[in-house]
Amino acid sequence: MGLAGGQQHSAELFSYERALRVREGVLSIAGVDEAGRGPLAGPVVAAAVILPLEDFALPLRDSKALREDTREELAAALLADRRVRYAVSVKSAARIDEINILRATHEAMREAAQALSPSPELVLVDGLRVPDFPFPAQFVVKGDALSASIAAASIIAKTHRDHLMLDYDREYPDYGFARHKGYGTAEHLAALAARGPCPIHRRSFAPVAQILRPPAEQLSLSFAANGSKPVADGAAR
């Protein structure tokens, strides 16, 4: 990919930040986004990013709209630019099960923003309101397609999580984490049904919970040899 080729698109994304600077006089603006709310396994990851004010022309886009190789190249360019300030927070599957995925996501977003140095004056957060956010913030639905700062955060969060899932694939090679990154693909569901969950599966998510605690109606039925009514295995006959 030619990174310089996206200057016009990147400039359009910066219009959100420039409007805030002109209208409210805010110079230090961070973007916050997350990756991994939907998978059945692995962590949820949030990233916070402050981009340079000037002379920055990477063709940033929502990470979900990028090919994997393009996303990796953009992430490498962001991390290599010393003017870019960023922080990442990771919440494990165990933490997700403990407090639920929404609260874990919000916790990661708050922590990522708090880890930035220097602290931002204003934070643009992708999605709906995050309770108890530690800085003045604006919550922007589909913000990763509207703000360069949020788009950068989405790219860093997604690639950071993907790398973690590659590590988990080496640790738990029977589930295909390198390919599906923990999402509920047919391959993943088949492996989960055959092998049961591993330590990074989210036990509070329905497909995993159903394997751990199958509902009573899934009990197998047996038929008496004389053609009498079927009864559930283990029931009194």
C-alpha atoms as a PDB file:
ATOM      1  CA  MET A   1       0.000   0.000   0.000  1.00  0.00           C
ATOM      2  CA  GLY A   2       1.228   3.528  -0.704  1.00  0.00           C
ATOM      3  CA  LEU A   3       0.623   5.303   2.587  1.00  0.00           C
ATOM      4  CA  ALA A   4       1.103   8.737   1.066  1.00  0.00           C
ATOM      5  CA  GLY A   5      -1.729   8.063  -1.351  1.00  0.00           C
ATOM      6  CA  GLY A   6      -4.416   8.658   1.257  1.00  0.00           C
ATOM      7  CA  GLN A   7      -3.622  12.269   2.170  1.00  0.00           C
ATOM      8  CA  GLN A   8      -6.936  13.651   0.925  1.00  0.00           C
ATOM      9  CA  HIS A   9      -8.994  11.080   2.813  1.00  0.00           C
ATOM     10  CA  SER A  10      -6.968  11.638   5.979  1.00  0.00           C
ATOM     11  CA  ALA A  11      -7.484  15.407   5.702  1.00  0.00           C
ATOM     12  CA  GLU A  12     -11.244  14.868   5.521  1.00  0.00           C
ATOM     13  CA  LEU A  13     -11.146  12.812   8.707  1.00  0.00           C
ATOM     14  CA  PHE A  14      -9.228  15.591  10.471  1.00  0.00           C
ATOM     15  CA  SER A  15     -12.054  18.054   9.795  1.00  0.00           C
ATOM     16  CA  TYR A  16     -13.741  16.878  13.026  1.00  0.00           C
ATOM     17  CA  GLU A  17     -10.660  17.670  15.132  1.00  0.00           C
ATOM     18  CA  ARG A  18     -10.014  20.957  13.328  1.00  0.00           C
ATOM     19  CA  ALA A  19     -13.592  22.106  13.947  1.00  0.00           C
ATOM     20  CA  LEU A  20     -13.177  21.458  17.673  1.00  0.00           C
ATOM     21  CA  ARG A  21      -9.922  23.399  17.749  1.00  0.00           C
ATOM     22  CA  VAL A  22     -11.442  26.367  15.957  1.00  0.00           C
ATOM     23  CA  ARG A  23     -14.764  26.344  17.813  1.00  0.00           C
ATOM     24  CA  GLU A  24     -13.547  25.489  21.320  1.00  0.00           C
ATOM     25  CA  GLY A  25      -9.824  26.241  21.219  1.00  0.00           C
ATOM     26  CA  VAL A  26      -8.878  22.681  22.187  1.00  0.00           C
ATOM     27  CA  LEU A  27      -5.380  21.702  21.069  1.00  0.00           C
ATOM     28  CA  SER A  28      -4.892  18.253  22.620  1.00  0.00           C
ATOM     29  CA  ILE A  29      -7.567  15.864  21.363  1.00  0.00           C
ATOM     30  CA  ALA A  30      -7.452  12.098  21.854  1.00  0.00           C
ATOM     31  CA  GLY A  31      -9.439   9.402  20.117  1.00  0.00           C
ATOM     32  CA  VAL A  32     -10.555   6.224  21.895  1.00  0.00           C
ATOM     33  CA  ASP A  33     -11.889   3.017  20.371  1.00  0.00           C
ATOM     34  CA  GLU A  34     -12.053  -0.684  21.185  1.00  0.00           C
ATOM     35  CA  ALA A  35     -11.660  -4.026  19.467  1.00  0.00           C
ATOM     36  CA  GLY A  36     -13.038  -7.415  20.445  1.00  0.00           C
ATOM     37  CA  ARG A  37     -16.452  -6.890  22.003  1.00  0.00           C
ATOM     38  CA  GLY A  38     -18.094  -9.643  19.981  1.00  0.00           C
ATOM     39  CA  PRO A  39     -15.734 -12.662  20.020  1.00  0.00           C
ATOM     40  CA  LEU A  40     -16.310 -15.784  22.088  1.00  0.00           C
ATOM     41  CA  ALA A  41     -12.671 -15.915  23.189  1.00  0.00           C
ATOM     42  CA  GLY A  42      -9.831 -13.589  24.028  1.00  0.00           C
ATOM     43  CA  PRO A  43      -9.660 -10.094  25.515  1.00  0.00           C
ATOM     44  CA  VAL A  44     -11.316  -6.825  24.663  1.00  0.00           C
ATOM     45  CA  VAL A  45      -8.741  -4.127  23.885  1.00  0.00           C
ATOM     46  CA  ALA A  46      -9.089  -0.343  23.971  1.00  0.00           C
ATOM     47  CA  ALA A  47      -6.637   2.192  22.572  1.00  0.00           C
ATOM     48  CA  ALA A  48      -6.318   5.943  23.084  1.00  0.00           C
ATOM     49  CA  VAL A  49      -4.390   8.054  20.568  1.00  0.00           C
ATOM     50  CA  ILE A  50      -3.323  11.693  20.287  1.00  0.00           C
ATOM     51  CA  LEU A  51      -2.202  12.563  16.746  1.00  0.00           C
ATOM     52  CA  PRO A  52       0.127  15.403  15.709  1.00  0.00           C
ATOM     53  CA  LEU A  53      -1.512  18.742  14.971  1.00  0.00           C
ATOM     54  CA  GLU A  54       0.250  19.306  11.670  1.00  0.00           C
ATOM     55  CA  ASP A  55       2.074  17.489   8.860  1.00  0.00           C
ATOM     56  CA  PHE A  56       0.336  14.187   9.404  1.00  0.00           C
ATOM     57  CA  ALA A  57      -1.004  12.472   6.314  1.00  0.00           C
ATOM     58  CA  LEU A  58      -1.469   8.763   6.934  1.00  0.00           C
ATOM     59  CA  PRO A  59      -4.587   7.468   5.110  1.00  0.00           C
ATOM     60  CA  LEU A  60      -6.440   6.555   8.274  1.00  0.00           C
ATOM     61  CA  ARG A  61      -9.784   4.750   8.128  1.00  0.00           C
ATOM     62  CA  ASP A  62     -11.959   2.652  10.373  1.00  0.00           C
ATOM     63  CA  SER A  63      -9.941  -0.522  10.997  1.00  0.00           C
ATOM     64  CA  LYS A  64     -12.879  -2.710   9.945  1.00  0.00           C
ATOM     65  CA  ALA A  65     -12.775  -1.139   6.467  1.00  0.00           C
ATOM     66  CA  LEU A  66      -9.103  -2.021   5.939  1.00  0.00           C
ATOM     67  CA  ARG A  67      -7.446  -5.156   4.637  1.00  0.00           C
ATOM     68  CA  GLU A  68      -5.342  -6.891   7.261  1.00  0.00           C
ATOM     69  CA  ASP A  69      -2.019  -6.087   5.574  1.00  0.00           C
ATOM     70  CA  THR A  70      -3.004  -2.416   5.153  1.00  0.00           C
ATOM     71  CA  ARG A  71      -4.116  -2.217   8.775  1.00  0.00           C
ATOM     72  CA  GLU A  72      -0.828  -3.709   9.955  1.00  0.00           C
ATOM     73  CA  GLU A  73       1.160  -1.260   7.843  1.00  0.00           C
ATOM     74  CA  LEU A  74      -0.786   1.703   9.200  1.00  0.00           C
ATOM     75  CA  ALA A  75      -0.391   0.488  12.777  1.00  0.00           C
ATOM     76  CA  ALA A  76       3.362   0.145  12.302  1.00  0.00           C
ATOM     77  CA  ALA A  77       3.547   3.674  10.880  1.00  0.00           C
ATOM     78  CA  LEU A  78       1.534   5.089  13.788  1.00  0.00           C
ATOM     79  CA  LEU A  79       3.677   3.369  16.409  1.00  0.00           C
ATOM     80  CA  ALA A  80       6.889   4.441  14.681  1.00  0.00           C
ATOM     81  CA  ASP A  81       5.931   8.138  14.639  1.00  0.00           C
ATOM     82  CA  ARG A  82       7.348   9.656  17.832  1.00  0.00           C
ATOM     83  CA  ARG A  83       4.811  12.476  17.659  1.00  0.00           C
ATOM     84  CA  VAL A  84       1.935  10.016  18.108  1.00  0.00           C
ATOM     85  CA  ARG A  85       0.930   9.460  21.734  1.00  0.00           C
ATOM     86  CA  TYR A  86      -0.934   6.254  22.441  1.00  0.00           C
ATOM     87  CA  ALA A  87      -1.903   3.866  25.227  1.00  0.00           C
ATOM     88  CA  VAL A  88      -3.598   0.469  25.273  1.00  0.00           C
ATOM     89  CA  SER A  89      -5.680  -1.321  27.891  1.00  0.00           C
ATOM     90  CA  VAL A  90      -6.472  -5.049  27.757  1.00  0.00           C
ATOM     91  CA  LYS A  91      -9.296  -6.769  29.638  1.00  0.00           C
ATOM     92  CA  SER A  92      -9.099 -10.551  29.840  1.00  0.00           C
ATOM     93  CA  ALA A  93     -11.865 -13.057  29.257  1.00  0.00           C
ATOM     94  CA  ALA A  94     -11.945 -13.640  33.015  1.00  0.00           C
ATOM     95  CA  ARG A  95     -12.542  -9.930  33.646  1.00  0.00           C
ATOM     96  CA  ILE A  96     -15.248  -9.883  30.968  1.00  0.00           C
ATOM     97  CA  ASP A  97     -16.985 -12.808  32.679  1.00  0.00           C
ATOM     98  CA  GLU A  98     -16.660 -11.083  36.052  1.00  0.00           C
ATOM     99  CA  ILE A  99     -18.239  -7.707  35.186  1.00  0.00           C
ATOM    100  CA  ASN A 100     -19.782  -8.295  31.685  1.00  0.00           C
ATOM    101  CA  ILE A 101     -18.506  -7.221  28.283  1.00  0.00           C
ATOM    102  CA  LEU A 102     -19.969  -3.700  28.293  1.00  0.00           C
ATOM    103  CA  ARG A 103     -18.450  -2.775  31.645  1.00  0.00           C
ATOM    104  CA  ALA A 104     -15.130  -4.369  30.705  1.00  0.00           C
ATOM    105  CA  THR A 105     -15.083  -2.354  27.474  1.00  0.00           C
ATOM    106  CA  HIS A 106     -15.833   0.872  29.334  1.00  0.00           C
ATOM    107  CA  GLU A 107     -13.157   0.060  31.911  1.00  0.00           C
ATOM    108  CA  ALA A 108     -10.584  -0.481  29.161  1.00  0.00           C
ATOM    109  CA  MET A 109     -11.556   2.788  27.441  1.00  0.00           C
ATOM    110  CA  ARG A 110     -11.202   4.786  30.638  1.00  0.00           C
ATOM    111  CA  GLU A 111      -7.863   3.180  31.474  1.00  0.00           C
ATOM    112  CA  ALA A 112      -6.433   3.735  27.998  1.00  0.00           C
ATOM    113  CA  ALA A 113      -7.335   7.430  28.116  1.00  0.00           C
ATOM    114  CA  GLN A 114      -5.897   7.822  31.633  1.00  0.00           C
ATOM    115  CA  ALA A 115      -2.613   6.215  30.541  1.00  0.00           C
ATOM    116  CA  LEU A 116      -1.940   8.896  27.911  1.00  0.00           C
ATOM    117  CA  SER A 117       0.929  11.252  28.649  1.00  0.00           C
ATOM    118  CA  PRO A 118       0.461  14.163  28.481  1.00  0.00           C
ATOM    119  CA  SER A 119      -3.226  13.977  29.316  1.00  0.00           C
ATOM    120  CA  PRO A 120      -5.646  15.167  26.637  1.00  0.00           C
ATOM    121  CA  GLU A 121      -7.872  18.202  26.999  1.00  0.00           C
ATOM    122  CA  LEU A 122     -10.745  16.471  25.219  1.00  0.00           C
ATOM    123  CA  VAL A 123     -11.433  12.892  24.180  1.00  0.00           C
ATOM    124  CA  LEU A 124     -13.475  11.693  21.215  1.00  0.00           C
ATOM    125  CA  VAL A 125     -14.883   8.265  22.095  1.00  0.00           C
ATOM    126  CA  ASP A 126     -16.355   5.915  19.536  1.00  0.00           C
ATOM    127  CA  GLY A 127     -19.924   4.887  20.304  1.00  0.00           C
ATOM    128  CA  LEU A 128     -22.351   5.699  23.070  1.00  0.00           C
ATOM    129  CA  ARG A 129     -21.619   7.373  26.402  1.00  0.00           C
ATOM    130  CA  VAL A 130     -19.068   5.751  28.701  1.00  0.00           C
ATOM    131  CA  PRO A 131     -19.998   6.313  32.369  1.00  0.00           C
ATOM    132  CA  ASP A 132     -17.509   8.076  34.661  1.00  0.00           C
ATOM    133  CA  PHE A 133     -15.180   8.988  31.825  1.00  0.00           C
ATOM    134  CA  PRO A 134     -12.112  10.694  33.361  1.00  0.00           C
ATOM    135  CA  PHE A 135     -11.807  13.576  30.858  1.00  0.00           C
ATOM    136  CA  PRO A 136     -14.134  15.948  29.032  1.00  0.00           C
ATOM    137  CA  ALA A 137     -15.433  13.799  26.200  1.00  0.00           C
ATOM    138  CA  GLN A 138     -17.676  13.681  23.190  1.00  0.00           C
ATOM    139  CA  PHE A 139     -19.193  10.331  22.277  1.00  0.00           C
ATOM    140  CA  VAL A 140     -19.443   9.859  18.532  1.00  0.00           C
ATOM    141  CA  VAL A 141     -21.486   7.040  17.020  1.00  0.00           C
ATOM    142  CA  LYS A 142     -19.517   5.541  14.113  1.00  0.00           C
ATOM    143  CA  GLY A 143     -16.715   7.867  15.141  1.00  0.00           C
ATOM    144  CA  ASP A 144     -14.055   5.638  13.563  1.00  0.00           C
ATOM    145  CA  ALA A 145     -15.423   6.762  10.175  1.00  0.00           C
ATOM    146  CA  LEU A 146     -15.624  10.450  11.174  1.00  0.00           C
ATOM    147  CA  SER A 147     -12.523  11.223  13.230  1.00  0.00           C
ATOM    148  CA  ALA A 148      -8.872  10.584  12.395  1.00  0.00           C
ATOM    149  CA  SER A 149      -8.040  10.225  16.097  1.00  0.00           C
ATOM    150  CA  ILE A 150     -10.707   7.562  16.641  1.00  0.00           C
ATOM    151  CA  ALA A 151      -9.715   5.808  13.398  1.00  0.00           C
ATOM    152  CA  ALA A 152      -6.106   5.656  14.621  1.00  0.00           C
ATOM    153  CA  ALA A 153      -7.280   4.219  17.942  1.00  0.00           C
ATOM    154  CA  SER A 154      -9.359   1.598  16.130  1.00  0.00           C
ATOM    155  CA  ILE A 155      -6.329   0.515  14.078  1.00  0.00           C
ATOM    156  CA  ILE A 156      -4.028   0.240  17.101  1.00  0.00           C
ATOM    157  CA  ALA A 157      -6.640  -1.578  19.210  1.00  0.00           C
ATOM    158  CA  LYS A 158      -7.458  -4.062  16.452  1.00  0.00           C
ATOM    159  CA  THR A 159      -3.862  -4.916  15.543  1.00  0.00           C
ATOM    160  CA  HIS A 160      -2.841  -5.174  19.200  1.00  0.00           C
ATOM    161  CA  ARG A 161      -5.665  -7.634  19.829  1.00  0.00           C
ATOM    162  CA  ASP A 162      -4.874  -9.618  16.665  1.00  0.00           C
ATOM    163  CA  HIS A 163      -1.285 -10.056  17.829  1.00  0.00           C
ATOM    164  CA  LEU A 164      -2.493 -11.316  21.209  1.00  0.00           C
ATOM    165  CA  MET A 165      -4.737 -13.840  19.461  1.00  0.00           C
ATOM    166  CA  LEU A 166      -1.779 -15.089  17.405  1.00  0.00           C
ATOM    167  CA  ASP A 167       0.044 -15.706  20.691  1.00  0.00           C
ATOM    168  CA  TYR A 168      -2.988 -17.565  22.032  1.00  0.00           C
ATOM    169  CA  ASP A 169      -3.127 -19.641  18.863  1.00  0.00           C
ATOM    170  CA  ARG A 170       0.350 -20.960  19.662  1.00  0.00           C
ATOM    171  CA  GLU A 171      -0.714 -21.683  23.233  1.00  0.00           C
ATOM    172  CA  TYR A 172      -4.039 -23.307  22.279  1.00  0.00           C
ATOM    173  CA  PRO A 173      -3.504 -24.557  18.709  1.00  0.00           C
ATOM    174  CA  ASP A 174      -6.705 -26.624  18.367  1.00  0.00           C
ATOM    175  CA  TYR A 175      -9.157 -23.721  17.996  1.00  0.00           C
ATOM    176  CA  GLY A 176      -7.928 -21.739  14.972  1.00  0.00           C
ATOM    177  CA  PHE A 177      -7.490 -18.439  16.820  1.00  0.00           C
ATOM    178  CA  ALA A 178      -4.944 -17.224  14.248  1.00  0.00           C
ATOM    179  CA  ARG A 179      -7.645 -17.322  11.582  1.00  0.00           C
ATOM    180  CA  HIS A 180     -10.848 -16.183  13.270  1.00  0.00           C
ATOM    181  CA  LYS A 181      -9.381 -14.232  16.218  1.00  0.00           C
ATOM    182  CA  GLY A 182     -11.945 -15.716  18.575  1.00  0.00           C
ATOM    183  CA  TYR A 183     -15.084 -14.754  16.645  1.00  0.00           C
ATOM    184  CA  GLY A 184     -17.903 -17.276  16.372  1.00  0.00           C
ATOM    185  CA  THR A 185     -17.140 -18.703  12.947  1.00  0.00           C
ATOM    186  CA  ALA A 186     -18.302 -22.175  11.907  1.00  0.00           C
ATOM    187  CA  GLU A 187     -14.733 -23.426  12.361  1.00  0.00           C
ATOM    188  CA  HIS A 188     -14.548 -21.991  15.872  1.00  0.00           C
ATOM    189  CA  LEU A 189     -17.958 -23.307  16.933  1.00  0.00           C
ATOM    190  CA  ALA A 190     -17.083 -26.792  15.668  1.00  0.00           C
ATOM    191  CA  ALA A 191     -13.801 -26.792  17.617  1.00  0.00           C
ATOM    192  CA  LEU A 192     -15.586 -25.497  20.701  1.00  0.00           C
ATOM    193  CA  ALA A 193     -18.203 -28.253  20.488  1.00  0.00           C
ATOM    194  CA  ALA A 194     -15.563 -30.949  19.976  1.00  0.00           C
ATOM    195  CA  ARG A 195     -13.033 -29.837  22.583  1.00  0.00           C
ATOM    196  CA  GLY A 196     -14.906 -27.637  25.022  1.00  0.00           C
ATOM    197  CA  PRO A 197     -13.681 -24.198  26.088  1.00  0.00           C
ATOM    198  CA  CYS A 198     -10.063 -23.335  26.800  1.00  0.00           C
ATOM    199  CA  PRO A 199      -8.921 -20.805  29.448  1.00  0.00           C
ATOM    200  CA  ILE A 200      -9.416 -17.757  27.177  1.00  0.00           C
ATOM    201  CA  HIS A 201     -13.028 -18.517  26.254  1.00  0.00           C
ATOM    202  CA  ARG A 202     -15.662 -16.162  27.625  1.00  0.00           C
ATOM    203  CA  ARG A 203     -17.796 -18.431  29.756  1.00  0.00           C
ATOM    204  CA  SER A 204     -20.548 -15.845  30.119  1.00  0.00           C
ATOM    205  CA  PHE A 205     -21.181 -15.780  26.349  1.00  0.00           C
ATOM    206  CA  ALA A 206     -24.097 -17.972  25.279  1.00  0.00           C
ATOM    207  CA  PRO A 207     -22.359 -20.420  22.871  1.00  0.00           C
ATOM    208  CA  VAL A 208     -19.710 -21.179  25.509  1.00  0.00           C
ATOM    209  CA  ALA A 209     -22.150 -21.244  28.424  1.00  0.00           C
ATOM    210  CA  GLN A 210     -24.397 -23.706  26.578  1.00  0.00           C
ATOM    211  CA  ILE A 211     -21.530 -26.160  26.248  1.00  0.00           C
ATOM    212  CA  LEU A 212     -20.668 -25.838  29.929  1.00  0.00           C
ATOM    213  CA  ARG A 213     -24.301 -25.993  31.074  1.00  0.00           C
ATOM    214  CA  PRO A 214     -26.483 -27.602  28.381  1.00  0.00           C
ATOM    215  CA  PRO A 215     -30.205 -26.930  28.824  1.00  0.00           C
ATOM    216  CA  ALA A 216     -32.346 -29.787  30.124  1.00  0.00           C
ATOM    217  CA  GLU A 217     -34.235 -30.212  26.858  1.00  0.00           C
ATOM    218  CA  GLN A 218     -31.016 -31.294  25.165  1.00  0.00           C
ATOM    219  CA  LEU A 219     -30.809 -34.438  27.269  1.00  0.00           C
ATOM    220  CA  SER A 220     -30.932 -37.512  25.059  1.00  0.00           C
ATOM    221  CA  LEU A 221     -34.028 -39.635  25.017  1.00  0.00           C
ATOM    222  CA  SER A 222     -34.145 -43.390  25.277  1.00  0.00           C
ATOM    223  CA  PHE A 223     -37.003 -45.635  24.237  1.00  0.00           C
ATOM    224  CA  ALA A 224     -38.158 -48.642  26.188  1.00  0.00           C
ATOM    225  CA  ALA A 225     -37.950 -51.871  24.266  1.00  0.00           C
ATOM    226  CA  ASN A 226     -41.695 -52.450  24.621  1.00  0.00           C
ATOM    227  CA  GLY A 227     -42.544 -49.215  22.811  1.00  0.00           C
ATOM    228  CA  SER A 228     -43.583 -47.272  25.903  1.00  0.00           C
ATOM    229  CA  LYS A 229     -43.106 -43.485  26.186  1.00  0.00           C
ATOM    230  CA  PRO A 230     -39.550 -42.173  25.926  1.00  0.00           C
ATOM    231  CA  VAL A 231     -37.949 -40.868  29.097  1.00  0.00           C
ATOM    232  CA  ALA A 232     -34.925 -38.679  29.619  1.00  0.00           C
ATOM    233  CA  ASP A 233     -31.712 -40.512  30.427  1.00  0.00           C
ATOM    234  CA  GLY A 234     -31.227 -40.619  34.180  1.00  0.00           C
ATOM    235  CA  ALA A 235     -34.920 -40.080  34.968  1.00  0.00           C
ATOM    236  CA  ALA A 236     -36.894 -42.531  37.102  1.00  0.00           C
ATOM    237  CA  ARG A 237     -38.434 -45.345  35.053  1.00  0.00           C
END
